[in-house]
Amino acid sequence: MPAVSFANDVLPILSRFRGQMMWRFDMNSYEQVKANADLIWKRISDPGNPMPPPPFPPLPRHQIETFQNWIRDGCQP
């Protein structure tokens, strides 16, 4: 199984939030997402305070798992 990469796997999940003010950094920037990966993981996986907030639906479990696998695989570009 190939490693999860930012460009191929994570960016497509996060790109729909471009321009949204829910994060204080660019969700389309590899460097900024990598630097904030733990924070993002905590927020997207918290059912009591999910990110993204309404009106966006919570991320589906498979997308949260993809993000977790990206971190596990070393945050590949």
PDB file of N, CA and C in Angstrom:
ATOM      1  N   MET A   1       0.848  -1.181   0.000  1.00  0.00           N
ATOM      2  CA  MET A   1       0.000   0.000   0.000  1.00  0.00           C
ATOM      3  C   MET A   1       0.891   1.240   0.000  1.00  0.00           C
ATOM      4  N   PRO A   2       0.703   2.138  -0.983  1.00  0.00           N
ATOM      5  CA  PRO A   2       1.545   3.338  -1.031  1.00  0.00           C
ATOM      6  C   PRO A   2       1.242   4.277   0.130  1.00  0.00           C
ATOM      7  N   ALA A   3       2.254   5.041   0.511  1.00  0.00           N
ATOM      8  CA  ALA A   3       2.088   6.022   1.585  1.00  0.00           C
ATOM      9  C   ALA A   3       1.077   7.082   1.147  1.00  0.00           C
ATOM     10  N   VAL A   4       0.370   7.594   2.109  1.00  0.00           N
ATOM     11  CA  VAL A   4      -0.577   8.680   1.866  1.00  0.00           C
ATOM     12  C   VAL A   4       0.232   9.953   1.666  1.00  0.00           C
ATOM     13  N   SER A   5      -0.118  10.725   0.644  1.00  0.00           N
ATOM     14  CA  SER A   5       0.616  11.971   0.389  1.00  0.00           C
ATOM     15  C   SER A   5      -0.323  13.172   0.487  1.00  0.00           C
ATOM     16  N   PHE A   6       0.276  14.324   0.758  1.00  0.00           N
ATOM     17  CA  PHE A   6      -0.494  15.557   0.837  1.00  0.00           C
ATOM     18  C   PHE A   6      -1.133  15.858  -0.512  1.00  0.00           C
ATOM     19  N   ALA A   7      -0.329  15.854  -1.564  1.00  0.00           N
ATOM     20  CA  ALA A   7      -0.815  16.257  -2.886  1.00  0.00           C
ATOM     21  C   ALA A   7      -1.920  15.350  -3.414  1.00  0.00           C
ATOM     22  N   ASN A   8      -1.772  14.053  -3.229  1.00  0.00           N
ATOM     23  CA  ASN A   8      -2.727  13.108  -3.822  1.00  0.00           C
ATOM     24  C   ASN A   8      -3.911  12.775  -2.939  1.00  0.00           C
ATOM     25  N   ASP A   9      -3.735  12.827  -1.621  1.00  0.00           N
ATOM     26  CA  ASP A   9      -4.761  12.314  -0.723  1.00  0.00           C
ATOM     27  C   ASP A   9      -5.339  13.354   0.234  1.00  0.00           C
ATOM     28  N   VAL A  10      -4.491  14.200   0.807  1.00  0.00           N
ATOM     29  CA  VAL A  10      -4.938  15.150   1.826  1.00  0.00           C
ATOM     30  C   VAL A  10      -5.460  16.439   1.198  1.00  0.00           C
ATOM     31  N   LEU A  11      -4.749  16.980   0.247  1.00  0.00           N
ATOM     32  CA  LEU A  11      -5.177  18.235  -0.383  1.00  0.00           C
ATOM     33  C   LEU A  11      -6.589  18.152  -0.965  1.00  0.00           C
ATOM     34  N   PRO A  12      -6.957  17.054  -1.649  1.00  0.00           N
ATOM     35  CA  PRO A  12      -8.339  16.989  -2.146  1.00  0.00           C
ATOM     36  C   PRO A  12      -9.392  17.054  -1.038  1.00  0.00           C
ATOM     37  N   ILE A  13      -9.066  16.577   0.143  1.00  0.00           N
ATOM     38  CA  ILE A  13      -9.997  16.653   1.273  1.00  0.00           C
ATOM     39  C   ILE A  13     -10.117  18.091   1.770  1.00  0.00           C
ATOM     40  N   LEU A  14      -8.984  18.777   1.864  1.00  0.00           N
ATOM     41  CA  LEU A  14      -8.949  20.111   2.473  1.00  0.00           C
ATOM     42  C   LEU A  14      -9.214  21.251   1.502  1.00  0.00           C
ATOM     43  N   SER A  15      -9.063  21.020   0.204  1.00  0.00           N
ATOM     44  CA  SER A  15      -9.134  22.121  -0.765  1.00  0.00           C
ATOM     45  C   SER A  15     -10.492  22.812  -0.788  1.00  0.00           C
ATOM     46  N   ARG A  16     -11.549  22.126  -0.404  1.00  0.00           N
ATOM     47  CA  ARG A  16     -12.870  22.773  -0.418  1.00  0.00           C
ATOM     48  C   ARG A  16     -13.001  23.858   0.647  1.00  0.00           C
ATOM     49  N   PHE A  17     -12.041  23.901   1.580  1.00  0.00           N
ATOM     50  CA  PHE A  17     -12.090  24.915   2.634  1.00  0.00           C
ATOM     51  C   PHE A  17     -11.220  26.121   2.318  1.00  0.00           C
ATOM     52  N   ARG A  18     -10.729  26.202   1.105  1.00  0.00           N
ATOM     53  CA  ARG A  18      -9.925  27.344   0.675  1.00  0.00           C
ATOM     54  C   ARG A  18     -10.737  28.621   0.861  1.00  0.00           C
ATOM     55  N   GLY A  19     -10.128  29.587   1.458  1.00  0.00           N
ATOM     56  CA  GLY A  19     -10.788  30.870   1.632  1.00  0.00           C
ATOM     57  C   GLY A  19     -11.720  30.939   2.830  1.00  0.00           C
ATOM     58  N   GLN A  20     -11.947  29.830   3.499  1.00  0.00           N
ATOM     59  CA  GLN A  20     -12.802  29.846   4.673  1.00  0.00           C
ATOM     60  C   GLN A  20     -11.990  30.334   5.870  1.00  0.00           C
ATOM     61  N   MET A  21     -12.629  30.985   6.800  1.00  0.00           N
ATOM     62  CA  MET A  21     -11.917  31.561   7.934  1.00  0.00           C
ATOM     63  C   MET A  21     -11.956  30.659   9.169  1.00  0.00           C
ATOM     64  N   MET A  22     -12.288  29.387   8.977  1.00  0.00           N
ATOM     65  CA  MET A  22     -12.380  28.488  10.124  1.00  0.00           C
ATOM     66  C   MET A  22     -11.005  28.108  10.662  1.00  0.00           C
ATOM     67  N   TRP A  23      -9.976  28.261   9.842  1.00  0.00           N
ATOM     68  CA  TRP A  23      -8.604  27.969  10.260  1.00  0.00           C
ATOM     69  C   TRP A  23      -7.811  29.255  10.125  1.00  0.00           C
ATOM     70  N   ARG A  24      -6.779  29.374  10.877  1.00  0.00           N
ATOM     71  CA  ARG A  24      -5.962  30.593  10.826  1.00  0.00           C
ATOM     72  C   ARG A  24      -4.717  30.384   9.975  1.00  0.00           C
ATOM     73  N   PHE A  25      -4.760  29.389   9.126  1.00  0.00           N
ATOM     74  CA  PHE A  25      -3.656  29.119   8.211  1.00  0.00           C
ATOM     75  C   PHE A  25      -4.229  28.552   6.918  1.00  0.00           C
ATOM     76  N   ASP A  26      -3.404  28.493   5.897  1.00  0.00           N
ATOM     77  CA  ASP A  26      -3.817  28.060   4.563  1.00  0.00           C
ATOM     78  C   ASP A  26      -3.907  26.538   4.507  1.00  0.00           C
ATOM     79  N   MET A  27      -5.107  26.007   4.393  1.00  0.00           N
ATOM     80  CA  MET A  27      -5.326  24.562   4.349  1.00  0.00           C
ATOM     81  C   MET A  27      -4.839  23.943   3.045  1.00  0.00           C
ATOM     82  N   ASN A  28      -4.417  24.765   2.097  1.00  0.00           N
ATOM     83  CA  ASN A  28      -3.898  24.263   0.832  1.00  0.00           C
ATOM     84  C   ASN A  28      -2.384  24.292   0.787  1.00  0.00           C
ATOM     85  N   SER A  29      -1.754  24.742   1.852  1.00  0.00           N
ATOM     86  CA  SER A  29      -0.298  24.829   1.934  1.00  0.00           C
ATOM     87  C   SER A  29       0.254  23.597   2.649  1.00  0.00           C
ATOM     88  N   TYR A  30       1.053  22.818   1.955  1.00  0.00           N
ATOM     89  CA  TYR A  30       1.653  21.629   2.555  1.00  0.00           C
ATOM     90  C   TYR A  30       2.390  21.983   3.841  1.00  0.00           C
ATOM     91  N   GLU A  31       3.222  23.001   3.803  1.00  0.00           N
ATOM     92  CA  GLU A  31       4.027  23.368   4.968  1.00  0.00           C
ATOM     93  C   GLU A  31       3.152  23.759   6.160  1.00  0.00           C
ATOM     94  N   GLN A  32       2.096  24.527   5.916  1.00  0.00           N
ATOM     95  CA  GLN A  32       1.240  24.963   7.015  1.00  0.00           C
ATOM     96  C   GLN A  32       0.387  23.821   7.568  1.00  0.00           C
ATOM     97  N   VAL A  33      -0.104  22.953   6.690  1.00  0.00           N
ATOM     98  CA  VAL A  33      -0.885  21.812   7.164  1.00  0.00           C
ATOM     99  C   VAL A  33       0.022  20.849   7.924  1.00  0.00           C
ATOM    100  N   LYS A  34       1.217  20.612   7.411  1.00  0.00           N
ATOM    101  CA  LYS A  34       2.169  19.729   8.106  1.00  0.00           C
ATOM    102  C   LYS A  34       2.497  20.287   9.493  1.00  0.00           C
ATOM    103  N   ALA A  35       2.756  21.580   9.578  1.00  0.00           N
ATOM    104  CA  ALA A  35       3.104  22.209  10.857  1.00  0.00           C
ATOM    105  C   ALA A  35       1.946  22.157  11.857  1.00  0.00           C
ATOM    106  N   ASN A  36       0.726  22.063  11.374  1.00  0.00           N
ATOM    107  CA  ASN A  36      -0.463  22.062  12.232  1.00  0.00           C
ATOM    108  C   ASN A  36      -1.219  20.734  12.190  1.00  0.00           C
ATOM    109  N   ALA A  37      -0.554  19.679  11.756  1.00  0.00           N
ATOM    110  CA  ALA A  37      -1.214  18.385  11.554  1.00  0.00           C
ATOM    111  C   ALA A  37      -1.877  17.868  12.825  1.00  0.00           C
ATOM    112  N   ASP A  38      -1.203  17.958  13.953  1.00  0.00           N
ATOM    113  CA  ASP A  38      -1.786  17.450  15.199  1.00  0.00           C
ATOM    114  C   ASP A  38      -3.036  18.235  15.589  1.00  0.00           C
ATOM    115  N   LEU A  39      -2.994  19.545  15.441  1.00  0.00           N
ATOM    116  CA  LEU A  39      -4.162  20.377  15.735  1.00  0.00           C
ATOM    117  C   LEU A  39      -5.324  20.020  14.805  1.00  0.00           C
ATOM    118  N   ILE A  40      -5.030  19.890  13.524  1.00  0.00           N
ATOM    119  CA  ILE A  40      -6.077  19.549  12.561  1.00  0.00           C
ATOM    120  C   ILE A  40      -6.677  18.196  12.914  1.00  0.00           C
ATOM    121  N   TRP A  41      -5.815  17.208  13.199  1.00  0.00           N
ATOM    122  CA  TRP A  41      -6.287  15.877  13.555  1.00  0.00           C
ATOM    123  C   TRP A  41      -7.220  15.927  14.770  1.00  0.00           C
ATOM    124  N   LYS A  42      -6.811  16.646  15.802  1.00  0.00           N
ATOM    125  CA  LYS A  42      -7.645  16.743  17.004  1.00  0.00           C
ATOM    126  C   LYS A  42      -9.004  17.339  16.693  1.00  0.00           C
ATOM    127  N   ARG A  43      -9.028  18.347  15.841  1.00  0.00           N
ATOM    128  CA  ARG A  43     -10.297  19.025  15.535  1.00  0.00           C
ATOM    129  C   ARG A  43     -11.190  18.194  14.624  1.00  0.00           C
ATOM    130  N   ILE A  44     -10.648  17.583  13.590  1.00  0.00           N
ATOM    131  CA  ILE A  44     -11.508  16.839  12.667  1.00  0.00           C
ATOM    132  C   ILE A  44     -11.988  15.519  13.260  1.00  0.00           C
ATOM    133  N   SER A  45     -11.303  15.023  14.293  1.00  0.00           N
ATOM    134  CA  SER A  45     -11.696  13.751  14.882  1.00  0.00           C
ATOM    135  C   SER A  45     -12.490  13.905  16.179  1.00  0.00           C
ATOM    136  N   ASP A  46     -12.796  15.133  16.585  1.00  0.00           N
ATOM    137  CA  ASP A  46     -13.531  15.393  17.827  1.00  0.00           C
ATOM    138  C   ASP A  46     -15.027  15.475  17.540  1.00  0.00           C
ATOM    139  N   PRO A  47     -15.802  14.426  17.877  1.00  0.00           N
ATOM    140  CA  PRO A  47     -17.237  14.461  17.571  1.00  0.00           C
ATOM    141  C   PRO A  47     -18.003  15.517  18.378  1.00  0.00           C
ATOM    142  N   GLY A  48     -17.447  15.963  19.488  1.00  0.00           N
ATOM    143  CA  GLY A  48     -18.123  16.958  20.300  1.00  0.00           C
ATOM    144  C   GLY A  48     -17.909  18.385  19.830  1.00  0.00           C
ATOM    145  N   ASN A  49     -16.910  18.602  19.004  1.00  0.00           N
ATOM    146  CA  ASN A  49     -16.583  19.934  18.500  1.00  0.00           C
ATOM    147  C   ASN A  49     -15.991  19.778  17.098  1.00  0.00           C
ATOM    148  N   PRO A  50     -16.772  19.257  16.166  1.00  0.00           N
ATOM    149  CA  PRO A  50     -16.214  18.875  14.872  1.00  0.00           C
ATOM    150  C   PRO A  50     -15.780  20.057  14.024  1.00  0.00           C
ATOM    151  N   MET A  51     -14.773  19.808  13.262  1.00  0.00           N
ATOM    152  CA  MET A  51     -14.343  20.714  12.202  1.00  0.00           C
ATOM    153  C   MET A  51     -14.503  19.929  10.929  1.00  0.00           C
ATOM    154  N   PRO A  52     -15.018  20.495   9.936  1.00  0.00           N
ATOM    155  CA  PRO A  52     -15.456  21.875   9.838  1.00  0.00           C
ATOM    156  C   PRO A  52     -16.776  22.095  10.583  1.00  0.00           C
ATOM    157  N   PRO A  53     -17.005  23.350  10.965  1.00  0.00           N
ATOM    158  CA  PRO A  53     -18.264  23.657  11.657  1.00  0.00           C
ATOM    159  C   PRO A  53     -19.421  23.762  10.662  1.00  0.00           C
ATOM    160  N   PRO A  54     -20.655  23.715  11.143  1.00  0.00           N
ATOM    161  CA  PRO A  54     -21.805  23.948  10.266  1.00  0.00           C
ATOM    162  C   PRO A  54     -21.647  25.301   9.567  1.00  0.00           C
ATOM    163  N   PRO A  55     -22.057  25.444   8.374  1.00  0.00           N
ATOM    164  CA  PRO A  55     -22.981  24.599   7.634  1.00  0.00           C
ATOM    165  C   PRO A  55     -22.320  23.417   6.929  1.00  0.00           C
ATOM    166  N   PHE A  56     -20.994  23.275   7.026  1.00  0.00           N
ATOM    167  CA  PHE A  56     -20.325  22.139   6.405  1.00  0.00           C
ATOM    168  C   PHE A  56     -20.636  20.877   7.202  1.00  0.00           C
ATOM    169  N   PRO A  57     -20.830  19.751   6.509  1.00  0.00           N
ATOM    170  CA  PRO A  57     -21.001  18.499   7.238  1.00  0.00           C
ATOM    171  C   PRO A  57     -19.653  18.038   7.790  1.00  0.00           C
ATOM    172  N   PRO A  58     -19.661  17.249   8.865  1.00  0.00           N
ATOM    173  CA  PRO A  58     -18.391  16.700   9.358  1.00  0.00           C
ATOM    174  C   PRO A  58     -17.736  15.852   8.272  1.00  0.00           C
ATOM    175  N   LEU A  59     -16.421  15.753   8.337  1.00  0.00           N
ATOM    176  CA  LEU A  59     -15.729  14.904   7.374  1.00  0.00           C
ATOM    177  C   LEU A  59     -16.142  13.452   7.573  1.00  0.00           C
ATOM    178  N   PRO A  60     -16.291  12.712   6.485  1.00  0.00           N
ATOM    179  CA  PRO A  60     -16.601  11.292   6.621  1.00  0.00           C
ATOM    180  C   PRO A  60     -15.436  10.554   7.287  1.00  0.00           C
ATOM    181  N   ARG A  61     -15.739   9.478   7.954  1.00  0.00           N
ATOM    182  CA  ARG A  61     -14.736   8.690   8.679  1.00  0.00           C
ATOM    183  C   ARG A  61     -13.560   8.328   7.779  1.00  0.00           C
ATOM    184  N   HIS A  62     -13.794   7.941   6.517  1.00  0.00           N
ATOM    185  CA  HIS A  62     -12.679   7.533   5.649  1.00  0.00           C
ATOM    186  C   HIS A  62     -11.725   8.703   5.376  1.00  0.00           C
ATOM    187  N   GLN A  63     -12.236   9.928   5.322  1.00  0.00           N
ATOM    188  CA  GLN A  63     -11.352  11.079   5.119  1.00  0.00           C
ATOM    189  C   GLN A  63     -10.554  11.378   6.388  1.00  0.00           C
ATOM    190  N   ILE A  64     -11.163  11.210   7.541  1.00  0.00           N
ATOM    191  CA  ILE A  64     -10.440  11.397   8.804  1.00  0.00           C
ATOM    192  C   ILE A  64      -9.338  10.343   8.915  1.00  0.00           C
ATOM    193  N   GLU A  65      -9.646   9.118   8.530  1.00  0.00           N
ATOM    194  CA  GLU A  65      -8.644   8.049   8.561  1.00  0.00           C
ATOM    195  C   GLU A  65      -7.516   8.318   7.574  1.00  0.00           C
ATOM    196  N   THR A  66      -7.838   8.869   6.414  1.00  0.00           N
ATOM    197  CA  THR A  66      -6.794   9.230   5.444  1.00  0.00           C
ATOM    198  C   THR A  66      -5.849  10.252   6.056  1.00  0.00           C
ATOM    199  N   PHE A  67      -6.405  11.254   6.736  1.00  0.00           N
ATOM    200  CA  PHE A  67      -5.564  12.269   7.371  1.00  0.00           C
ATOM    201  C   PHE A  67      -4.697  11.639   8.459  1.00  0.00           C
ATOM    202  N   GLN A  68      -5.282  10.766   9.263  1.00  0.00           N
ATOM    203  CA  GLN A  68      -4.525  10.079  10.311  1.00  0.00           C
ATOM    204  C   GLN A  68      -3.403   9.232   9.691  1.00  0.00           C
ATOM    205  N   ASN A  69      -3.693   8.544   8.606  1.00  0.00           N
ATOM    206  CA  ASN A  69      -2.673   7.738   7.934  1.00  0.00           C
ATOM    207  C   ASN A  69      -1.568   8.608   7.352  1.00  0.00           C
ATOM    208  N   TRP A  70      -1.922   9.789   6.884  1.00  0.00           N
ATOM    209  CA  TRP A  70      -0.912  10.718   6.366  1.00  0.00           C
ATOM    210  C   TRP A  70       0.068  11.091   7.475  1.00  0.00           C
ATOM    211  N   ILE A  71      -0.448  11.391   8.654  1.00  0.00           N
ATOM    212  CA  ILE A  71       0.425  11.696   9.790  1.00  0.00           C
ATOM    213  C   ILE A  71       1.279  10.469  10.119  1.00  0.00           C
ATOM    214  N   ARG A  72       0.645   9.311  10.204  1.00  0.00           N
ATOM    215  CA  ARG A  72       1.355   8.072  10.519  1.00  0.00           C
ATOM    216  C   ARG A  72       2.480   7.785   9.529  1.00  0.00           C
ATOM    217  N   ASP A  73       2.237   8.112   8.262  1.00  0.00           N
ATOM    218  CA  ASP A  73       3.231   7.862   7.202  1.00  0.00           C
ATOM    219  C   ASP A  73       4.291   8.948   7.122  1.00  0.00           C
ATOM    220  N   GLY A  74       4.274   9.893   8.037  1.00  0.00           N
ATOM    221  CA  GLY A  74       5.323  10.912   8.076  1.00  0.00           C
ATOM    222  C   GLY A  74       5.015  12.187   7.321  1.00  0.00           C
ATOM    223  N   CYS A  75       3.742  12.458   7.055  1.00  0.00           N
ATOM    224  CA  CYS A  75       3.337  13.716   6.398  1.00  0.00           C
ATOM    225  C   CYS A  75       4.061  13.923   5.071  1.00  0.00           C
ATOM    226  N   GLN A  76       3.943  12.928   4.202  1.00  0.00           N
ATOM    227  CA  GLN A  76       4.607  13.006   2.896  1.00  0.00           C
ATOM    228  C   GLN A  76       3.992  14.130   2.041  1.00  0.00           C
ATOM    229  N   PRO A  77       4.848  14.813   1.261  1.00  0.00           N
ATOM    230  CA  PRO A  77       4.349  15.902   0.416  1.00  0.00           C
ATOM    231  C   PRO A  77       3.403  15.472  -0.674  1.00  0.00           C
TER     232      PRO A  77
END
